[in-house]
Amino acid sequence: MNIYFHLQSSKDYVENTIHRDPVLYAGLVYLTPDIEEKYGTSLYDENHNLAKQIPNIYNSLVAYDASTLHGPSGFVDNRLTLTFFINKLEII
């Protein structure tokens, strides 16, 4: 598992941020209070159509299959998240 803090700026805007991550699962925790909920995470179907928009709610965790197309729902200054990637699950 890898974990990173990510601080987003509105200057980080990129035209197409829809992607997959090369791990099993991915997710994040929204760490900035008072960010509009519309700046959450969007999940897409195979045709890049919006399938689900997850709101940015302070101190909430979002996790998903990393092969699902996803990306930020928008760009805003000072959006801090704790982003994580799970590479392997093992039951011992």
N, C-alpha and C. Protein backbone atom coordinates (compact mmCIF):
# COMPACT_ATOMS: atom_id res chain seq x y z
N MET A 1 0.85 -1.17 0.00
CA MET A 1 0.00 0.00 0.00
C MET A 1 0.90 1.23 0.00
N ASN A 2 0.54 2.21 -0.81
CA ASN A 2 1.24 3.49 -0.85
C ASN A 2 0.24 4.57 -0.50
N ILE A 3 0.69 5.53 0.31
CA ILE A 3 -0.18 6.62 0.76
C ILE A 3 0.54 7.95 0.52
N TYR A 4 -0.21 8.94 0.01
CA TYR A 4 0.36 10.25 -0.29
C TYR A 4 -0.61 11.35 0.12
N PHE A 5 -0.07 12.46 0.60
CA PHE A 5 -0.87 13.67 0.73
C PHE A 5 -0.84 14.36 -0.62
N HIS A 6 -1.98 14.88 -1.05
CA HIS A 6 -2.05 15.58 -2.33
C HIS A 6 -2.77 16.91 -2.12
N LEU A 7 -2.07 18.00 -2.43
CA LEU A 7 -2.64 19.33 -2.32
C LEU A 7 -2.93 19.83 -3.73
N GLN A 8 -4.19 20.04 -4.04
CA GLN A 8 -4.61 20.47 -5.37
C GLN A 8 -4.77 21.98 -5.43
N SER A 9 -4.43 22.51 -6.57
CA SER A 9 -4.61 23.93 -6.85
C SER A 9 -5.45 24.07 -8.10
N SER A 10 -6.17 25.16 -8.23
CA SER A 10 -6.92 25.39 -9.46
C SER A 10 -5.97 25.52 -10.65
N LYS A 11 -4.71 25.81 -10.40
CA LYS A 11 -3.70 25.90 -11.47
C LYS A 11 -3.31 24.53 -11.99
N ASP A 12 -3.70 23.45 -11.28
CA ASP A 12 -3.39 22.08 -11.69
C ASP A 12 -4.30 21.59 -12.81
N TYR A 13 -5.24 22.42 -13.22
CA TYR A 13 -6.24 22.00 -14.22
C TYR A 13 -5.57 21.39 -15.45
N VAL A 14 -6.08 20.23 -15.84
CA VAL A 14 -5.66 19.54 -17.05
C VAL A 14 -6.94 19.18 -17.80
N GLU A 15 -6.92 19.28 -19.10
CA GLU A 15 -8.13 19.06 -19.91
C GLU A 15 -8.78 17.70 -19.65
N ASN A 16 -8.01 16.63 -19.71
CA ASN A 16 -8.59 15.29 -19.53
C ASN A 16 -7.86 14.57 -18.40
N THR A 17 -8.50 14.46 -17.26
CA THR A 17 -7.87 13.81 -16.11
C THR A 17 -8.47 12.43 -15.83
N ILE A 18 -9.31 11.94 -16.74
CA ILE A 18 -9.92 10.62 -16.55
C ILE A 18 -8.85 9.56 -16.78
N HIS A 19 -8.72 8.66 -15.80
CA HIS A 19 -7.66 7.66 -15.89
C HIS A 19 -7.99 6.43 -15.05
N ARG A 20 -7.13 5.43 -15.17
CA ARG A 20 -7.14 4.25 -14.31
C ARG A 20 -5.80 4.23 -13.58
N ASP A 21 -5.77 3.58 -12.43
CA ASP A 21 -4.51 3.43 -11.71
C ASP A 21 -4.04 1.98 -11.83
N PRO A 22 -2.74 1.76 -11.98
CA PRO A 22 -2.21 0.39 -12.18
C PRO A 22 -2.03 -0.40 -10.88
N VAL A 23 -3.07 -0.40 -10.05
CA VAL A 23 -3.08 -1.15 -8.79
C VAL A 23 -4.44 -1.82 -8.65
N LEU A 24 -4.66 -2.55 -7.55
CA LEU A 24 -5.95 -3.21 -7.34
C LEU A 24 -7.04 -2.23 -6.94
N TYR A 25 -6.77 -1.44 -5.90
CA TYR A 25 -7.75 -0.50 -5.37
C TYR A 25 -7.10 0.85 -5.14
N ALA A 26 -7.91 1.88 -5.19
CA ALA A 26 -7.43 3.24 -4.93
C ALA A 26 -8.50 3.97 -4.12
N GLY A 27 -8.10 5.07 -3.55
CA GLY A 27 -9.07 5.86 -2.81
C GLY A 27 -8.42 7.08 -2.19
N LEU A 28 -9.24 7.80 -1.45
CA LEU A 28 -8.74 9.01 -0.81
C LEU A 28 -9.63 9.41 0.35
N VAL A 29 -9.07 10.25 1.19
CA VAL A 29 -9.80 10.87 2.30
C VAL A 29 -9.75 12.37 2.04
N TYR A 30 -10.90 13.02 2.05
CA TYR A 30 -10.97 14.47 1.85
C TYR A 30 -10.60 15.16 3.16
N LEU A 31 -9.57 16.01 3.14
CA LEU A 31 -9.03 16.57 4.37
C LEU A 31 -9.20 18.08 4.53
N THR A 32 -9.84 18.74 3.60
CA THR A 32 -10.04 20.17 3.72
C THR A 32 -11.50 20.48 4.05
N PRO A 33 -11.75 21.10 5.22
CA PRO A 33 -13.13 21.48 5.51
C PRO A 33 -13.55 22.65 4.62
N ASP A 34 -14.82 22.79 4.42
CA ASP A 34 -15.40 23.93 3.70
C ASP A 34 -15.06 23.99 2.21
N ILE A 35 -14.72 22.86 1.61
CA ILE A 35 -14.60 22.79 0.14
C ILE A 35 -15.98 22.41 -0.38
N GLU A 36 -16.41 23.03 -1.47
CA GLU A 36 -17.71 22.68 -2.04
C GLU A 36 -17.74 21.20 -2.41
N GLU A 37 -18.88 20.57 -2.13
CA GLU A 37 -19.02 19.14 -2.40
C GLU A 37 -18.82 18.78 -3.87
N LYS A 38 -19.06 19.72 -4.77
CA LYS A 38 -18.93 19.43 -6.21
C LYS A 38 -17.49 19.12 -6.62
N TYR A 39 -16.51 19.42 -5.76
CA TYR A 39 -15.10 19.15 -6.07
C TYR A 39 -14.66 17.81 -5.50
N GLY A 40 -15.45 16.80 -5.74
CA GLY A 40 -15.14 15.45 -5.26
C GLY A 40 -14.45 14.62 -6.33
N THR A 41 -14.92 13.40 -6.48
CA THR A 41 -14.34 12.43 -7.41
C THR A 41 -15.44 11.91 -8.32
N SER A 42 -15.13 11.79 -9.60
CA SER A 42 -16.10 11.28 -10.57
C SER A 42 -15.65 9.92 -11.09
N LEU A 43 -16.62 9.01 -11.22
CA LEU A 43 -16.38 7.68 -11.80
C LEU A 43 -17.09 7.63 -13.14
N TYR A 44 -16.48 6.96 -14.11
CA TYR A 44 -16.99 6.95 -15.48
C TYR A 44 -17.15 5.53 -15.99
N ASP A 45 -18.04 5.37 -16.99
CA ASP A 45 -18.18 4.07 -17.65
C ASP A 45 -17.11 3.97 -18.75
N GLU A 46 -17.11 2.86 -19.47
CA GLU A 46 -16.10 2.62 -20.49
C GLU A 46 -16.13 3.63 -21.64
N ASN A 47 -17.25 4.31 -21.82
CA ASN A 47 -17.36 5.32 -22.88
C ASN A 47 -17.09 6.74 -22.37
N HIS A 48 -16.53 6.82 -21.18
CA HIS A 48 -16.20 8.10 -20.53
C HIS A 48 -17.43 8.93 -20.18
N ASN A 49 -18.58 8.27 -20.02
CA ASN A 49 -19.78 8.94 -19.55
C ASN A 49 -19.80 8.90 -18.03
N LEU A 50 -20.21 9.99 -17.41
CA LEU A 50 -20.25 10.05 -15.95
C LEU A 50 -21.20 8.98 -15.42
N ALA A 51 -20.69 8.12 -14.54
CA ALA A 51 -21.50 7.06 -13.92
C ALA A 51 -21.89 7.44 -12.49
N LYS A 52 -20.98 8.10 -11.76
CA LYS A 52 -21.24 8.48 -10.37
C LYS A 52 -20.34 9.64 -9.99
N GLN A 53 -20.91 10.59 -9.29
CA GLN A 53 -20.12 11.70 -8.76
C GLN A 53 -20.14 11.60 -7.24
N ILE A 54 -18.97 11.48 -6.65
CA ILE A 54 -18.83 11.34 -5.21
C ILE A 54 -18.51 12.72 -4.64
N PRO A 55 -19.32 13.21 -3.70
CA PRO A 55 -19.09 14.57 -3.17
C PRO A 55 -17.86 14.64 -2.27
N ASN A 56 -17.24 15.80 -2.27
CA ASN A 56 -16.12 16.08 -1.38
C ASN A 56 -16.69 16.45 -0.03
N ILE A 57 -16.72 15.50 0.87
CA ILE A 57 -17.23 15.72 2.22
C ILE A 57 -16.05 15.55 3.17
N TYR A 58 -15.78 16.59 3.94
CA TYR A 58 -14.64 16.61 4.85
C TYR A 58 -14.57 15.35 5.71
N ASN A 59 -13.38 14.78 5.77
CA ASN A 59 -13.06 13.63 6.61
C ASN A 59 -13.78 12.35 6.20
N SER A 60 -14.22 12.28 4.94
CA SER A 60 -14.83 11.03 4.46
C SER A 60 -13.85 10.29 3.56
N LEU A 61 -14.00 8.98 3.55
CA LEU A 61 -13.13 8.11 2.77
C LEU A 61 -13.89 7.57 1.58
N VAL A 62 -13.22 7.54 0.42
CA VAL A 62 -13.77 6.98 -0.81
C VAL A 62 -12.77 5.93 -1.29
N ALA A 63 -13.25 4.74 -1.62
CA ALA A 63 -12.39 3.69 -2.16
C ALA A 63 -13.10 3.05 -3.35
N TYR A 64 -12.33 2.62 -4.34
CA TYR A 64 -12.91 2.04 -5.55
C TYR A 64 -11.89 1.14 -6.24
N ASP A 65 -12.40 0.27 -7.10
CA ASP A 65 -11.56 -0.57 -7.94
C ASP A 65 -10.74 0.37 -8.82
N ALA A 66 -9.43 0.25 -8.77
CA ALA A 66 -8.56 1.20 -9.48
C ALA A 66 -8.66 1.07 -11.00
N SER A 67 -9.26 -0.01 -11.51
CA SER A 67 -9.43 -0.14 -12.96
C SER A 67 -10.64 0.65 -13.45
N THR A 68 -11.44 1.19 -12.53
CA THR A 68 -12.57 2.04 -12.89
C THR A 68 -12.04 3.39 -13.36
N LEU A 69 -12.55 3.86 -14.49
CA LEU A 69 -12.16 5.18 -14.96
C LEU A 69 -12.62 6.22 -13.94
N HIS A 70 -11.73 7.13 -13.57
CA HIS A 70 -12.05 8.12 -12.54
C HIS A 70 -11.19 9.36 -12.70
N GLY A 71 -11.57 10.40 -11.97
CA GLY A 71 -10.80 11.64 -11.97
C GLY A 71 -11.45 12.65 -11.05
N PRO A 72 -10.77 13.77 -10.80
CA PRO A 72 -11.38 14.80 -9.96
C PRO A 72 -12.59 15.41 -10.65
N SER A 73 -13.58 15.79 -9.87
CA SER A 73 -14.80 16.39 -10.42
C SER A 73 -14.61 17.86 -10.78
N GLY A 74 -13.49 18.42 -10.40
CA GLY A 74 -13.18 19.81 -10.70
C GLY A 74 -11.91 20.19 -9.97
N PHE A 75 -11.46 21.40 -10.20
CA PHE A 75 -10.22 21.87 -9.59
C PHE A 75 -10.50 23.10 -8.75
N VAL A 76 -9.97 23.09 -7.54
CA VAL A 76 -10.17 24.19 -6.59
C VAL A 76 -8.87 24.35 -5.80
N ASP A 77 -8.61 25.54 -5.32
CA ASP A 77 -7.40 25.78 -4.53
C ASP A 77 -7.50 25.13 -3.16
N ASN A 78 -6.37 24.62 -2.71
CA ASN A 78 -6.19 24.09 -1.35
C ASN A 78 -7.08 22.90 -1.02
N ARG A 79 -7.31 22.01 -1.98
CA ARG A 79 -8.04 20.76 -1.73
C ARG A 79 -7.01 19.72 -1.33
N LEU A 80 -6.96 19.41 -0.04
CA LEU A 80 -6.00 18.44 0.47
C LEU A 80 -6.68 17.09 0.62
N THR A 81 -6.03 16.06 0.08
CA THR A 81 -6.53 14.69 0.24
C THR A 81 -5.38 13.79 0.68
N LEU A 82 -5.75 12.70 1.31
CA LEU A 82 -4.83 11.61 1.59
C LEU A 82 -5.20 10.53 0.58
N THR A 83 -4.35 10.33 -0.39
CA THR A 83 -4.62 9.40 -1.48
C THR A 83 -3.88 8.09 -1.22
N PHE A 84 -4.56 6.97 -1.47
CA PHE A 84 -3.90 5.68 -1.23
C PHE A 84 -4.11 4.73 -2.40
N PHE A 85 -3.15 3.83 -2.54
CA PHE A 85 -3.17 2.82 -3.60
C PHE A 85 -2.84 1.47 -2.96
N ILE A 86 -3.69 0.48 -3.20
CA ILE A 86 -3.48 -0.86 -2.65
C ILE A 86 -3.01 -1.75 -3.79
N ASN A 87 -1.81 -2.27 -3.64
CA ASN A 87 -1.19 -3.08 -4.69
C ASN A 87 -1.51 -4.57 -4.56
N LYS A 88 -1.73 -5.01 -3.32
CA LYS A 88 -1.88 -6.44 -3.09
C LYS A 88 -2.72 -6.66 -1.83
N LEU A 89 -3.62 -7.63 -1.89
CA LEU A 89 -4.38 -8.05 -0.72
C LEU A 89 -3.99 -9.47 -0.39
N GLU A 90 -3.69 -9.71 0.85
CA GLU A 90 -3.26 -11.04 1.25
C GLU A 90 -3.92 -11.42 2.57
N ILE A 91 -4.52 -12.59 2.62
CA ILE A 91 -5.13 -13.09 3.84
C ILE A 91 -4.14 -14.06 4.48
N ILE A 92 -3.79 -13.75 5.72
CA ILE A 92 -2.81 -14.63 6.41
C ILE A 92 -3.37 -15.11 7.73
